[in-house]
Amino acid sequence: MKKWKEFSKHTRTGIGAYGIILVAFAVLYPLQQAGMLSHQLEGQLIPICVYIVMALSLNLTVGFLGELSLGHAGFMSVGAFAGAVTGTALKDTITSDALLLLISIIVGGFFAAVAGLLIGIPVLRLRGDYLAIVTLAFGEIIKNFINLLYVGKDANGLHFAMFSSDSMSLQNGSYILNGAQGAIGIPKIATFFSGVLLIIFTLFIILNLVYSKTGRAITAIRDNRIAAEAVGIGVTRYKLTAFIISAGLAGMAGALYALNFSTLASRKFDFNTSILILVFVVLGGMGNLVGTIISTSVLYLLPELLREFSDYRMLIYAIVLILVMLVTHSDGGKRLQGMVIRFFRRLFGRETQLPPDDPIPPTPLTDEKQNEIKTADDSMTVTQEGGAGK
């Protein structure tokens, strides 16, 4: 059995991130099934899962790649409306809600990844403020494009039109996407369980990417772009890879979000949504997955829980913002992760000692090796004395 001290940083980070999600699910899911959660809290379970995935995916771009993106809500909207159209169009054909949800999420992620590719090819050659401005513009362009798009369904299949629905000529059909009014008739098939699965899938993708050869190249670009280019790392290719994966995950989250409501309008995915997700990432810690999960959960739930304290709402919110930032950016975050790790180690009956800063301790020397070192030292001493005598 591999000792806990020998576990890599990758493994420890994974245990902390997965552990928080699994503990929360183990507590909330039975309460939800038993009807013991308030209607207000139960209604926030799926959106929390969605925003955790959004924050984790943006952290891949901002925290690990080191590029500021202000249009992440644009990728979310692409996935949301692609998933909504898919789910609405196939709801009469596919009777299984789980299968329909899976297909819709995959389609949403695919279209968002394609959008990430199309946007990333020209804009990822930019850096800093220029990249932020272009991604911001992309988010607004997508929102306005959806306001001009009409999608309908009849016996002949899907019909598409721009600017006006008059040219579609639906024959006893119905509208799925009705311009600025948004999507209507969406099947509400999203579940808390599917949201948790999507978070776990997102963590799996990001953790395996970051600690792979590709991930090391991405972080090298973040730390020193010039040095990365000098050693032959394809900067644009690796940046595009991270950008596409981030966009695809955001699209999957958007599809899950859309299938939690019967109607959906594009105004939900505006600039403020992108900034809100960025706040979750910054306060949780850029490149800190555990901190991102904590900050997103706390800061998203807090406004809803403080509705009854309207006079003190902003004061409490500001205090909690400061506390979250202090915890996730200091040793407090590591202690919280350590508590989760100790819980799981006790659960499986293993030792509870946390790893030191060095994940791989030095190997003890055998007696034979110590004798060899002693002999070499004696020989060196004799040689030095002989040289001094001359």
Protein backbone atom coordinates (compact mmCIF):
# COMPACT_ATOMS: atom_id res chain seq x y z
CA MET A 1 0.00 0.00 0.00
CA LYS A 2 1.42 3.32 -1.01
CA LYS A 3 2.05 5.53 2.01
CA TRP A 4 0.14 8.80 2.31
CA LYS A 5 3.37 10.80 2.46
CA GLU A 6 4.24 9.64 -1.03
CA PHE A 7 1.01 10.91 -2.58
CA SER A 8 1.63 13.63 -5.14
CA LYS A 9 0.27 17.15 -5.01
CA HIS A 10 -2.11 16.12 -7.80
CA THR A 11 -3.60 13.40 -5.60
CA ARG A 12 -3.90 15.63 -2.53
CA THR A 13 -5.61 18.38 -4.51
CA GLY A 14 -7.98 15.86 -6.04
CA ILE A 15 -8.91 14.41 -2.66
CA GLY A 16 -9.66 17.88 -1.31
CA ALA A 17 -11.78 18.95 -4.28
CA TYR A 18 -13.64 15.67 -4.71
CA GLY A 19 -14.05 15.36 -0.94
CA ILE A 20 -15.87 18.67 -0.53
CA ILE A 21 -18.30 17.82 -3.34
CA LEU A 22 -18.97 14.29 -2.09
CA VAL A 23 -19.51 15.39 1.52
CA ALA A 24 -21.93 18.12 0.40
CA PHE A 25 -23.79 15.64 -1.79
CA ALA A 26 -23.93 13.03 0.98
CA VAL A 27 -25.55 15.61 3.27
CA LEU A 28 -27.88 17.43 0.87
CA TYR A 29 -29.12 14.63 -1.39
CA PRO A 30 -30.83 12.56 1.36
CA LEU A 31 -32.39 15.74 2.76
CA GLN A 32 -33.67 16.65 -0.70
CA GLN A 33 -35.16 13.20 -1.27
CA ALA A 34 -36.83 13.30 2.14
CA GLY A 35 -38.31 16.74 1.45
CA MET A 36 -36.52 18.29 4.42
CA LEU A 37 -34.94 21.19 2.51
CA SER A 38 -36.72 24.50 2.20
CA HIS A 39 -38.16 25.32 -1.20
CA GLN A 40 -35.75 28.25 -1.46
CA LEU A 41 -32.64 26.15 -0.81
CA GLU A 42 -33.78 23.25 -2.98
CA GLY A 43 -34.26 25.63 -5.89
CA GLN A 44 -30.64 26.76 -5.58
CA LEU A 45 -29.00 23.32 -5.71
CA ILE A 46 -28.77 23.02 -9.50
CA PRO A 47 -27.70 26.67 -10.09
CA ILE A 48 -24.93 26.23 -7.50
CA CYS A 49 -23.65 23.18 -9.39
CA VAL A 50 -23.80 25.16 -12.63
CA TYR A 51 -21.84 28.10 -11.25
CA ILE A 52 -19.24 25.84 -9.65
CA VAL A 53 -18.59 24.30 -13.08
CA MET A 54 -18.51 27.77 -14.63
CA ALA A 55 -16.00 29.02 -12.05
CA LEU A 56 -13.79 25.93 -12.37
CA SER A 57 -13.77 26.21 -16.16
CA LEU A 58 -12.93 29.93 -16.03
CA ASN A 59 -10.16 29.15 -13.54
CA LEU A 60 -8.57 27.04 -16.26
CA THR A 61 -8.28 30.16 -18.43
CA VAL A 62 -7.60 32.79 -15.79
CA GLY A 63 -5.77 30.83 -13.11
CA PHE A 64 -3.77 28.21 -15.00
CA LEU A 65 -3.39 29.85 -18.41
CA GLY A 66 -3.06 33.36 -17.00
CA GLU A 67 -5.31 35.11 -19.54
CA LEU A 68 -8.21 37.35 -18.53
CA SER A 69 -11.50 36.43 -20.20
CA LEU A 70 -14.57 38.64 -19.68
CA GLY A 71 -16.91 36.77 -22.01
CA HIS A 72 -17.33 33.44 -20.25
CA ALA A 73 -21.08 33.95 -20.01
CA GLY A 74 -21.10 33.98 -23.82
CA PHE A 75 -19.95 30.35 -23.94
CA MET A 76 -22.49 29.53 -21.26
CA SER A 77 -25.25 31.05 -23.42
CA VAL A 78 -24.15 29.08 -26.49
CA GLY A 79 -24.35 25.84 -24.53
CA ALA A 80 -27.59 26.85 -22.84
CA PHE A 81 -29.53 27.56 -26.02
CA ALA A 82 -27.98 24.66 -27.92
CA GLY A 83 -28.98 22.35 -25.08
CA ALA A 84 -32.44 23.93 -24.82
CA VAL A 85 -33.13 23.51 -28.54
CA THR A 86 -31.84 19.92 -28.46
CA GLY A 87 -33.87 18.97 -25.40
CA THR A 88 -37.06 20.59 -26.70
CA ALA A 89 -36.71 19.10 -30.18
CA LEU A 90 -36.08 15.56 -28.91
CA LYS A 91 -38.37 15.43 -25.88
CA ASP A 92 -41.11 13.63 -27.84
CA THR A 93 -38.64 11.19 -29.40
CA ILE A 94 -36.50 10.27 -26.39
CA THR A 95 -38.61 9.12 -23.46
CA SER A 96 -35.74 8.72 -20.99
CA ASP A 97 -35.08 11.99 -19.16
CA ALA A 98 -31.55 10.91 -18.19
CA LEU A 99 -30.61 10.12 -21.80
CA LEU A 100 -32.21 13.33 -23.08
CA LEU A 101 -30.32 15.34 -20.47
CA LEU A 102 -27.03 13.66 -21.36
CA ILE A 103 -27.48 14.30 -25.09
CA SER A 104 -28.45 17.94 -24.49
CA ILE A 105 -25.42 18.56 -22.26
CA ILE A 106 -23.07 16.97 -24.81
CA VAL A 107 -24.55 19.05 -27.63
CA GLY A 108 -24.28 22.22 -25.53
CA GLY A 109 -20.65 21.50 -24.72
CA PHE A 110 -19.85 20.72 -28.35
CA PHE A 111 -21.28 23.97 -29.72
CA ALA A 112 -19.60 26.01 -27.00
CA ALA A 113 -16.26 24.31 -27.76
CA VAL A 114 -16.71 25.14 -31.46
CA ALA A 115 -17.42 28.75 -30.48
CA GLY A 116 -14.27 28.70 -28.35
CA LEU A 117 -12.28 27.44 -31.33
CA LEU A 118 -13.66 30.09 -33.69
CA ILE A 119 -13.07 32.87 -31.20
CA GLY A 120 -9.76 31.55 -29.90
CA ILE A 121 -7.96 31.28 -33.25
CA PRO A 122 -7.89 35.04 -33.89
CA VAL A 123 -7.97 36.46 -30.34
CA LEU A 124 -5.51 34.27 -28.44
CA ARG A 125 -2.65 35.96 -30.23
CA LEU A 126 -3.62 38.97 -28.14
CA ARG A 127 -2.65 39.44 -24.50
CA GLY A 128 -3.71 41.37 -21.44
CA ASP A 129 -6.31 44.09 -21.79
CA TYR A 130 -6.73 43.50 -25.52
CA LEU A 131 -7.80 39.89 -24.98
CA ALA A 132 -10.17 40.92 -22.19
CA ILE A 133 -11.83 43.53 -24.41
CA VAL A 134 -12.29 41.12 -27.32
CA THR A 135 -13.78 38.39 -25.12
CA LEU A 136 -16.10 40.96 -23.58
CA ALA A 137 -17.26 41.96 -27.05
CA PHE A 138 -17.79 38.30 -27.95
CA GLY A 139 -20.14 37.83 -25.00
CA GLU A 140 -22.26 40.79 -26.06
CA ILE A 141 -22.28 39.74 -29.73
CA ILE A 142 -23.50 36.24 -28.85
CA LYS A 143 -26.28 37.65 -26.68
CA ASN A 144 -27.51 39.95 -29.45
CA PHE A 145 -27.18 37.22 -32.08
CA ILE A 146 -29.48 34.95 -30.05
CA ASN A 147 -32.00 37.79 -29.81
CA LEU A 148 -32.24 37.73 -33.63
CA LEU A 149 -32.47 33.95 -34.01
CA TYR A 150 -35.73 32.05 -34.45
CA VAL A 151 -36.04 28.27 -34.26
CA GLY A 152 -39.23 26.28 -34.80
CA LYS A 153 -40.25 22.66 -35.06
CA ASP A 154 -42.97 20.88 -37.03
CA ALA A 155 -43.50 17.54 -38.75
CA ASN A 156 -40.81 18.42 -41.31
CA GLY A 157 -38.12 19.01 -38.69
CA LEU A 158 -36.39 22.13 -37.42
CA HIS A 159 -36.68 25.54 -39.10
CA PHE A 160 -34.32 28.47 -38.63
CA ALA A 161 -34.70 32.16 -39.43
CA MET A 162 -32.99 35.44 -38.65
CA PHE A 163 -34.55 38.80 -37.74
CA SER A 164 -38.15 37.56 -38.19
CA SER A 165 -40.15 34.35 -37.84
CA ASP A 166 -42.33 35.08 -40.87
CA SER A 167 -40.05 33.20 -43.27
CA MET A 168 -40.17 29.89 -41.36
CA SER A 169 -43.69 28.80 -42.47
CA LEU A 170 -44.34 26.37 -39.65
CA GLN A 171 -47.05 23.82 -40.41
CA ASN A 172 -48.87 23.08 -37.16
CA GLY A 173 -45.56 23.39 -35.38
CA SER A 174 -44.27 25.40 -32.43
CA TYR A 175 -41.49 27.83 -31.66
CA ILE A 176 -38.50 26.67 -29.65
CA LEU A 177 -36.48 29.88 -29.80
CA ASN A 178 -38.47 33.04 -30.37
CA GLY A 179 -35.96 35.84 -30.81
CA ALA A 180 -35.66 38.25 -27.89
CA GLN A 181 -38.33 36.32 -25.99
CA GLY A 182 -35.88 33.44 -25.68
CA ALA A 183 -36.46 29.71 -25.55
CA ILE A 184 -39.86 28.37 -24.50
CA GLY A 185 -41.27 24.96 -23.72
CA ILE A 186 -37.96 23.60 -22.38
CA PRO A 187 -38.28 20.26 -20.55
CA LYS A 188 -37.28 20.64 -16.89
CA ILE A 189 -35.17 17.50 -16.60
CA ALA A 190 -32.07 18.80 -14.79
CA THR A 191 -31.40 17.19 -11.40
CA PHE A 192 -29.11 17.84 -8.46
CA PHE A 193 -27.51 14.43 -9.01
CA SER A 194 -26.65 15.31 -12.62
CA GLY A 195 -25.20 18.62 -11.43
CA VAL A 196 -22.87 16.86 -8.99
CA LEU A 197 -21.81 14.42 -11.72
CA LEU A 198 -20.98 17.37 -13.99
CA ILE A 199 -18.84 18.94 -11.26
CA ILE A 200 -16.95 15.67 -10.78
CA PHE A 201 -16.46 15.36 -14.54
CA THR A 202 -15.16 18.94 -14.69
CA LEU A 203 -12.70 18.30 -11.85
CA PHE A 204 -11.53 15.11 -13.54
CA ILE A 205 -10.86 16.94 -16.83
CA ILE A 206 -9.10 19.92 -15.25
CA LEU A 207 -6.96 17.94 -12.79
CA ASN A 208 -5.78 15.50 -15.43
CA LEU A 209 -5.09 18.35 -17.86
CA VAL A 210 -3.21 20.57 -15.42
CA TYR A 211 -0.89 17.80 -14.20
CA SER A 212 -0.23 16.39 -17.66
CA LYS A 213 2.45 17.37 -20.15
CA THR A 214 -0.03 19.76 -21.77
CA GLY A 215 -0.86 21.30 -18.41
CA ARG A 216 2.79 21.86 -17.56
CA ALA A 217 3.22 23.62 -20.89
CA ILE A 218 0.18 25.80 -20.15
CA THR A 219 1.50 26.85 -16.74
CA ALA A 220 4.93 27.47 -18.27
CA ILE A 221 3.31 29.88 -20.71
CA ARG A 222 1.58 31.61 -17.81
CA ASP A 223 4.79 31.95 -15.80
CA ASN A 224 7.06 33.11 -18.62
CA ARG A 225 5.80 33.29 -22.18
CA ILE A 226 9.17 34.24 -23.68
CA ALA A 227 10.99 31.37 -21.97
CA ALA A 228 8.25 28.96 -23.07
CA GLU A 229 8.64 30.04 -26.68
CA ALA A 230 12.43 29.77 -26.38
CA VAL A 231 12.27 26.09 -25.39
CA GLY A 232 9.96 25.28 -28.29
CA ILE A 233 6.51 25.28 -26.65
CA GLY A 234 3.76 26.10 -29.14
CA VAL A 235 2.19 28.97 -27.23
CA THR A 236 -0.83 29.53 -29.46
CA ARG A 237 -1.65 25.82 -29.71
CA TYR A 238 -1.58 25.23 -25.96
CA LYS A 239 -3.50 28.41 -25.21
CA LEU A 240 -6.13 27.36 -27.74
CA THR A 241 -6.39 23.91 -26.15
CA ALA A 242 -7.09 25.38 -22.71
CA PHE A 243 -9.51 27.92 -24.15
CA ILE A 244 -11.54 25.29 -26.02
CA ILE A 245 -11.76 22.97 -23.01
CA SER A 246 -12.80 25.89 -20.80
CA ALA A 247 -15.48 26.94 -23.31
CA GLY A 248 -16.77 23.38 -23.70
CA LEU A 249 -17.17 22.92 -19.94
CA ALA A 250 -18.96 26.27 -19.72
CA GLY A 251 -21.31 25.16 -22.49
CA MET A 252 -22.13 21.94 -20.63
CA ALA A 253 -22.93 23.97 -17.52
CA GLY A 254 -25.11 26.27 -19.61
CA ALA A 255 -27.08 23.32 -21.01
CA LEU A 256 -27.71 22.00 -17.50
CA TYR A 257 -28.81 25.46 -16.42
CA ALA A 258 -31.24 25.80 -19.34
CA LEU A 259 -32.86 22.44 -18.65
CA ASN A 260 -33.67 23.57 -15.11
CA PHE A 261 -36.20 26.12 -16.40
CA SER A 262 -39.13 26.01 -18.80
CA THR A 263 -38.19 29.36 -20.38
CA LEU A 264 -34.86 31.07 -20.91
CA ALA A 265 -33.89 34.54 -22.19
CA SER A 266 -30.50 35.71 -23.42
CA ARG A 267 -30.41 38.68 -21.03
CA LYS A 268 -29.46 36.25 -18.28
CA PHE A 269 -26.03 35.79 -19.89
CA ASP A 270 -24.87 39.39 -19.84
CA PHE A 271 -21.66 41.10 -18.77
CA ASN A 272 -22.67 41.00 -15.10
CA THR A 273 -22.79 37.20 -15.18
CA SER A 274 -19.24 37.05 -16.56
CA ILE A 275 -18.03 39.41 -13.83
CA LEU A 276 -19.82 37.39 -11.14
CA ILE A 277 -18.06 34.21 -12.25
CA LEU A 278 -14.73 36.05 -12.35
CA VAL A 279 -15.32 37.27 -8.78
CA PHE A 280 -15.83 33.67 -7.66
CA VAL A 281 -12.51 32.71 -9.24
CA VAL A 282 -10.50 35.65 -7.89
CA LEU A 283 -11.81 35.37 -4.34
CA GLY A 284 -11.40 31.59 -4.33
CA GLY A 285 -7.86 31.89 -5.59
CA MET A 286 -6.66 31.72 -9.17
CA GLY A 287 -5.45 28.20 -9.76
CA ASN A 288 -7.02 27.04 -6.48
CA LEU A 289 -9.78 24.54 -7.27
CA VAL A 290 -10.82 23.92 -3.66
CA GLY A 291 -11.00 27.65 -2.95
CA THR A 292 -13.06 28.20 -6.10
CA ILE A 293 -15.62 25.60 -5.00
CA ILE A 294 -15.90 27.16 -1.54
CA SER A 295 -16.16 30.77 -2.73
CA THR A 296 -18.75 29.94 -5.40
CA SER A 297 -20.95 28.01 -2.99
CA VAL A 298 -20.83 30.62 -0.24
CA LEU A 299 -21.10 33.75 -2.38
CA TYR A 300 -23.89 32.39 -4.58
CA LEU A 301 -26.03 31.21 -1.68
CA LEU A 302 -25.44 34.22 0.54
CA PRO A 303 -27.65 36.79 -1.26
CA GLU A 304 -30.54 34.32 -1.25
CA LEU A 305 -30.14 33.57 2.45
CA LEU A 306 -29.96 37.27 3.35
CA ARG A 307 -33.21 38.33 1.69
CA GLU A 308 -34.90 38.58 5.09
CA PHE A 309 -32.15 40.90 6.36
CA SER A 310 -32.40 43.57 3.69
CA ASP A 311 -31.16 46.36 5.98
CA TYR A 312 -27.90 44.55 6.73
CA ARG A 313 -27.58 42.51 3.56
CA MET A 314 -24.73 44.39 1.90
CA LEU A 315 -22.80 44.76 5.18
CA ILE A 316 -22.94 41.02 5.87
CA TYR A 317 -22.10 40.24 2.25
CA ALA A 318 -19.01 42.48 2.37
CA ILE A 319 -17.83 40.85 5.61
CA VAL A 320 -18.26 37.37 4.16
CA LEU A 321 -16.37 38.43 1.00
CA ILE A 322 -13.40 39.43 3.13
CA LEU A 323 -13.56 36.25 5.20
CA VAL A 324 -13.74 34.01 2.13
CA MET A 325 -10.76 35.77 0.59
CA LEU A 326 -8.75 35.44 3.81
CA VAL A 327 -9.56 31.76 4.18
CA THR A 328 -8.94 30.70 0.58
CA HIS A 329 -5.74 32.76 0.19
CA SER A 330 -4.07 31.72 3.44
CA ASP A 331 -3.24 28.66 5.48
CA GLY A 332 -6.89 28.47 6.50
CA GLY A 333 -7.75 27.04 3.11
CA LYS A 334 -5.06 24.39 3.48
CA ARG A 335 -6.35 23.52 6.95
CA LEU A 336 -9.86 23.12 5.56
CA GLN A 337 -8.54 20.84 2.85
CA GLY A 338 -6.63 18.93 5.51
CA MET A 339 -9.83 18.43 7.53
CA VAL A 340 -11.55 16.91 4.50
CA ILE A 341 -8.55 14.67 3.81
CA ARG A 342 -8.44 13.47 7.44
CA PHE A 343 -12.15 12.69 7.32
CA PHE A 344 -11.75 10.40 4.32
CA ARG A 345 -8.64 8.77 5.74
CA ARG A 346 -10.47 7.97 8.97
CA LEU A 347 -13.38 6.70 6.92
CA PHE A 348 -11.12 4.18 5.19
CA GLY A 349 -9.11 3.40 8.32
CA ARG A 350 -5.79 4.86 7.23
CA GLU A 351 -3.29 7.00 9.09
CA THR A 352 -4.27 10.65 9.50
CA GLN A 353 -0.86 12.30 9.25
CA LEU A 354 -0.89 15.06 6.66
CA PRO A 355 1.87 15.23 4.08
CA PRO A 356 4.78 17.64 4.48
CA ASP A 357 5.59 20.29 1.92
CA ASP A 358 7.81 17.77 0.15
CA PRO A 359 5.40 15.11 -1.19
CA ILE A 360 8.18 12.46 -1.44
CA PRO A 361 10.33 12.11 1.71
CA PRO A 362 13.98 11.06 1.40
CA THR A 363 14.58 7.32 1.31
CA PRO A 364 16.47 6.02 4.42
CA LEU A 365 20.02 4.83 3.70
CA THR A 366 20.83 1.16 4.14
CA ASP A 367 23.84 0.01 6.21
CA GLU A 368 25.67 -1.02 3.04
CA LYS A 369 25.14 2.42 1.49
CA GLN A 370 26.29 4.17 4.68
CA ASN A 371 29.52 2.09 4.69
CA GLU A 372 30.17 3.04 1.07
CA ILE A 373 29.73 6.73 1.87
CA LYS A 374 32.00 6.43 4.93
CA THR A 375 34.72 4.70 2.88
CA ALA A 376 34.50 7.41 0.23
CA ASP A 377 34.78 10.13 2.88
CA ASP A 378 37.86 8.46 4.42
CA SER A 379 39.53 8.20 1.02
CA MET A 380 38.83 11.88 0.33
CA THR A 381 40.29 12.85 3.72
CA VAL A 382 43.51 10.87 3.07
CA THR A 383 43.86 12.45 -0.37
CA GLN A 384 43.43 15.96 1.05
CA GLU A 385 46.01 15.33 3.81
CA GLY A 386 48.51 13.99 1.27
CA GLY A 387 48.03 17.05 -0.89
CA ALA A 388 48.54 19.35 2.09
CA GLY A 389 51.77 17.54 3.06
CA LYS A 390 53.28 18.19 -0.34
